[in-house]
């Protein structure tokens, strides 16, 4: 069964490794990052560009992700 996976910072380090793992399993991956340039999986994931230091607007980010996807 395909899962919907939300990964914060999925373009480097542990987040990138998780992105790869979930894509290999055939899951739908949504990645939230502040800069997605140069990601090797850019064409395979749904990318949401967002600066997580903007804490006050995180609830609207979550609502947008839930509504649009």
N, C-alpha and C. Protein backbone atom coordinates (compact mmCIF):
# COMPACT_ATOMS: atom_id res chain seq x y z
N UNK A 1 0.84 -1.18 0.00
CA UNK A 1 0.00 0.00 0.00
C UNK A 1 0.89 1.25 0.00
N UNK A 2 0.60 2.14 -0.92
CA UNK A 2 1.37 3.39 -1.02
C UNK A 2 1.03 4.31 0.15
N UNK A 3 2.07 4.87 0.75
CA UNK A 3 1.90 5.83 1.84
C UNK A 3 2.17 7.23 1.33
N UNK A 4 1.58 8.21 2.00
CA UNK A 4 1.92 9.61 1.80
C UNK A 4 2.91 9.97 2.89
N UNK A 5 4.08 10.46 2.50
CA UNK A 5 5.15 10.74 3.45
C UNK A 5 5.55 12.21 3.35
N UNK A 6 5.59 12.88 4.50
CA UNK A 6 6.03 14.27 4.57
C UNK A 6 7.40 14.28 5.24
N UNK A 7 8.39 14.82 4.53
CA UNK A 7 9.76 14.87 5.06
C UNK A 7 10.21 16.32 5.11
N UNK A 8 10.69 16.72 6.26
CA UNK A 8 11.24 18.06 6.44
C UNK A 8 12.73 17.99 6.13
N UNK A 9 13.19 18.82 5.21
CA UNK A 9 14.62 18.82 4.85
C UNK A 9 15.03 17.57 4.11
N UNK A 10 14.26 17.17 3.13
CA UNK A 10 14.52 15.93 2.41
C UNK A 10 15.55 16.03 1.31
N UNK A 11 16.32 17.08 1.28
CA UNK A 11 17.32 17.23 0.22
C UNK A 11 18.76 17.07 0.70
N UNK A 12 18.95 16.78 2.00
CA UNK A 12 20.30 16.56 2.54
C UNK A 12 20.25 15.58 3.71
N UNK A 13 21.36 14.97 4.00
CA UNK A 13 21.53 14.16 5.20
C UNK A 13 20.49 13.07 5.40
N UNK A 14 19.99 12.98 6.63
CA UNK A 14 19.01 11.95 6.98
C UNK A 14 17.73 12.12 6.16
N UNK A 15 17.30 13.36 5.96
CA UNK A 15 16.10 13.61 5.17
C UNK A 15 16.24 13.09 3.75
N UNK A 16 17.41 13.25 3.15
CA UNK A 16 17.66 12.75 1.80
C UNK A 16 17.63 11.22 1.79
N UNK A 17 18.23 10.61 2.79
CA UNK A 17 18.22 9.15 2.88
C UNK A 17 16.79 8.62 3.02
N UNK A 18 15.98 9.31 3.81
CA UNK A 18 14.58 8.90 3.96
C UNK A 18 13.80 9.10 2.66
N UNK A 19 14.05 10.20 1.99
CA UNK A 19 13.41 10.44 0.70
C UNK A 19 13.69 9.29 -0.25
N UNK A 20 14.95 8.91 -0.36
CA UNK A 20 15.35 7.81 -1.23
C UNK A 20 14.65 6.52 -0.83
N UNK A 21 14.64 6.21 0.45
CA UNK A 21 14.02 4.97 0.95
C UNK A 21 12.54 4.91 0.60
N UNK A 22 11.81 5.98 0.89
CA UNK A 22 10.38 5.97 0.63
C UNK A 22 10.07 5.94 -0.87
N UNK A 23 10.87 6.63 -1.68
CA UNK A 23 10.67 6.57 -3.13
C UNK A 23 10.90 5.16 -3.65
N UNK A 24 11.93 4.49 -3.14
CA UNK A 24 12.21 3.11 -3.55
C UNK A 24 11.06 2.17 -3.22
N UNK A 25 10.33 2.49 -2.16
CA UNK A 25 9.18 1.67 -1.75
C UNK A 25 7.92 2.03 -2.54
N UNK A 26 8.02 3.05 -3.39
CA UNK A 26 6.88 3.45 -4.20
C UNK A 26 5.92 4.39 -3.50
N UNK A 27 6.36 5.01 -2.42
CA UNK A 27 5.51 5.93 -1.67
C UNK A 27 5.49 7.31 -2.31
N UNK A 28 4.46 8.06 -2.00
CA UNK A 28 4.33 9.46 -2.44
C UNK A 28 5.04 10.33 -1.40
N UNK A 29 6.02 11.10 -1.84
CA UNK A 29 6.85 11.87 -0.92
C UNK A 29 6.65 13.37 -1.15
N UNK A 30 6.36 14.07 -0.06
CA UNK A 30 6.26 15.53 -0.06
C UNK A 30 7.42 16.03 0.79
N UNK A 31 8.24 16.89 0.22
CA UNK A 31 9.43 17.39 0.90
C UNK A 31 9.27 18.89 1.16
N UNK A 32 9.48 19.30 2.41
CA UNK A 32 9.45 20.71 2.78
C UNK A 32 10.88 21.16 3.02
N UNK A 33 11.32 22.13 2.22
CA UNK A 33 12.69 22.65 2.34
C UNK A 33 12.68 24.15 2.05
N UNK A 34 13.74 24.83 2.46
CA UNK A 34 13.82 26.26 2.13
C UNK A 34 14.53 26.47 0.80
N UNK A 35 15.30 25.47 0.34
CA UNK A 35 15.98 25.59 -0.95
C UNK A 35 16.12 24.18 -1.54
N UNK A 36 15.48 23.95 -2.66
CA UNK A 36 15.47 22.61 -3.26
C UNK A 36 16.36 22.51 -4.49
N UNK A 37 17.18 23.51 -4.72
CA UNK A 37 18.05 23.52 -5.90
C UNK A 37 19.05 22.36 -5.84
N UNK A 38 19.19 21.69 -6.98
CA UNK A 38 20.20 20.65 -7.08
C UNK A 38 19.84 19.32 -6.48
N UNK A 39 18.61 19.15 -6.02
CA UNK A 39 18.23 17.86 -5.43
C UNK A 39 18.13 16.80 -6.52
N UNK A 40 18.67 15.64 -6.25
CA UNK A 40 18.65 14.56 -7.23
C UNK A 40 17.26 13.95 -7.40
N UNK A 41 16.33 14.22 -6.47
CA UNK A 41 14.99 13.65 -6.55
C UNK A 41 13.92 14.70 -6.85
N UNK A 42 14.32 15.86 -7.32
CA UNK A 42 13.38 16.96 -7.55
C UNK A 42 12.24 16.57 -8.47
N UNK A 43 12.50 15.72 -9.44
CA UNK A 43 11.44 15.35 -10.39
C UNK A 43 10.55 14.23 -9.86
N UNK A 44 10.93 13.62 -8.74
CA UNK A 44 10.18 12.47 -8.22
C UNK A 44 9.35 12.77 -6.98
N UNK A 45 9.53 13.94 -6.40
CA UNK A 45 8.81 14.29 -5.17
C UNK A 45 8.00 15.56 -5.38
N UNK A 46 7.07 15.79 -4.48
CA UNK A 46 6.36 17.06 -4.44
C UNK A 46 7.15 17.96 -3.50
N UNK A 47 7.55 19.09 -4.00
CA UNK A 47 8.39 20.00 -3.22
C UNK A 47 7.59 21.20 -2.75
N UNK A 48 7.70 21.48 -1.46
CA UNK A 48 7.09 22.66 -0.87
C UNK A 48 8.24 23.51 -0.33
N UNK A 49 8.44 24.67 -0.92
CA UNK A 49 9.50 25.56 -0.46
C UNK A 49 8.95 26.40 0.68
N UNK A 50 9.59 26.26 1.85
CA UNK A 50 9.13 26.97 3.04
C UNK A 50 10.29 27.12 4.01
N UNK A 51 10.42 28.27 4.59
CA UNK A 51 11.45 28.52 5.60
C UNK A 51 10.85 28.22 6.97
N UNK A 52 11.28 27.13 7.59
CA UNK A 52 10.70 26.70 8.86
C UNK A 52 11.03 27.62 10.03
N UNK A 53 11.87 28.62 9.82
CA UNK A 53 12.09 29.59 10.89
C UNK A 53 10.88 30.52 11.01
N UNK A 54 9.99 30.49 10.02
CA UNK A 54 8.74 31.25 10.06
C UNK A 54 7.70 30.44 10.84
N UNK A 55 7.94 30.31 12.12
CA UNK A 55 7.14 29.45 13.00
C UNK A 55 5.68 29.88 13.07
N UNK A 56 5.43 31.15 13.04
CA UNK A 56 4.06 31.65 13.17
C UNK A 56 3.14 31.16 12.06
N UNK A 57 3.68 30.91 10.88
CA UNK A 57 2.85 30.51 9.74
C UNK A 57 2.84 29.01 9.47
N UNK A 58 3.44 28.21 10.35
CA UNK A 58 3.45 26.76 10.16
C UNK A 58 2.03 26.19 10.10
N UNK A 59 1.08 26.63 10.93
CA UNK A 59 -0.28 26.10 10.79
C UNK A 59 -0.87 26.30 9.38
N UNK A 60 -0.60 27.43 8.76
CA UNK A 60 -1.12 27.64 7.40
C UNK A 60 -0.38 26.76 6.39
N UNK A 61 0.90 26.50 6.63
CA UNK A 61 1.65 25.57 5.78
C UNK A 61 1.01 24.19 5.85
N UNK A 62 0.72 23.73 7.05
CA UNK A 62 0.12 22.41 7.23
C UNK A 62 -1.25 22.34 6.57
N UNK A 63 -2.03 23.38 6.73
CA UNK A 63 -3.36 23.42 6.09
C UNK A 63 -3.22 23.38 4.57
N UNK A 64 -2.24 24.08 4.03
CA UNK A 64 -2.03 24.10 2.59
C UNK A 64 -1.63 22.73 2.08
N UNK A 65 -0.73 22.07 2.76
CA UNK A 65 -0.28 20.75 2.33
C UNK A 65 -1.45 19.77 2.37
N UNK A 66 -2.22 19.81 3.42
CA UNK A 66 -3.36 18.91 3.54
C UNK A 66 -4.43 19.18 2.50
N UNK A 67 -4.62 20.41 2.17
CA UNK A 67 -5.68 20.80 1.22
C UNK A 67 -5.27 20.54 -0.22
N UNK A 68 -4.03 20.83 -0.57
CA UNK A 68 -3.58 20.76 -1.96
C UNK A 68 -3.21 19.35 -2.40
N UNK A 69 -3.00 18.45 -1.50
CA UNK A 69 -2.48 17.15 -1.90
C UNK A 69 -3.42 16.06 -1.60
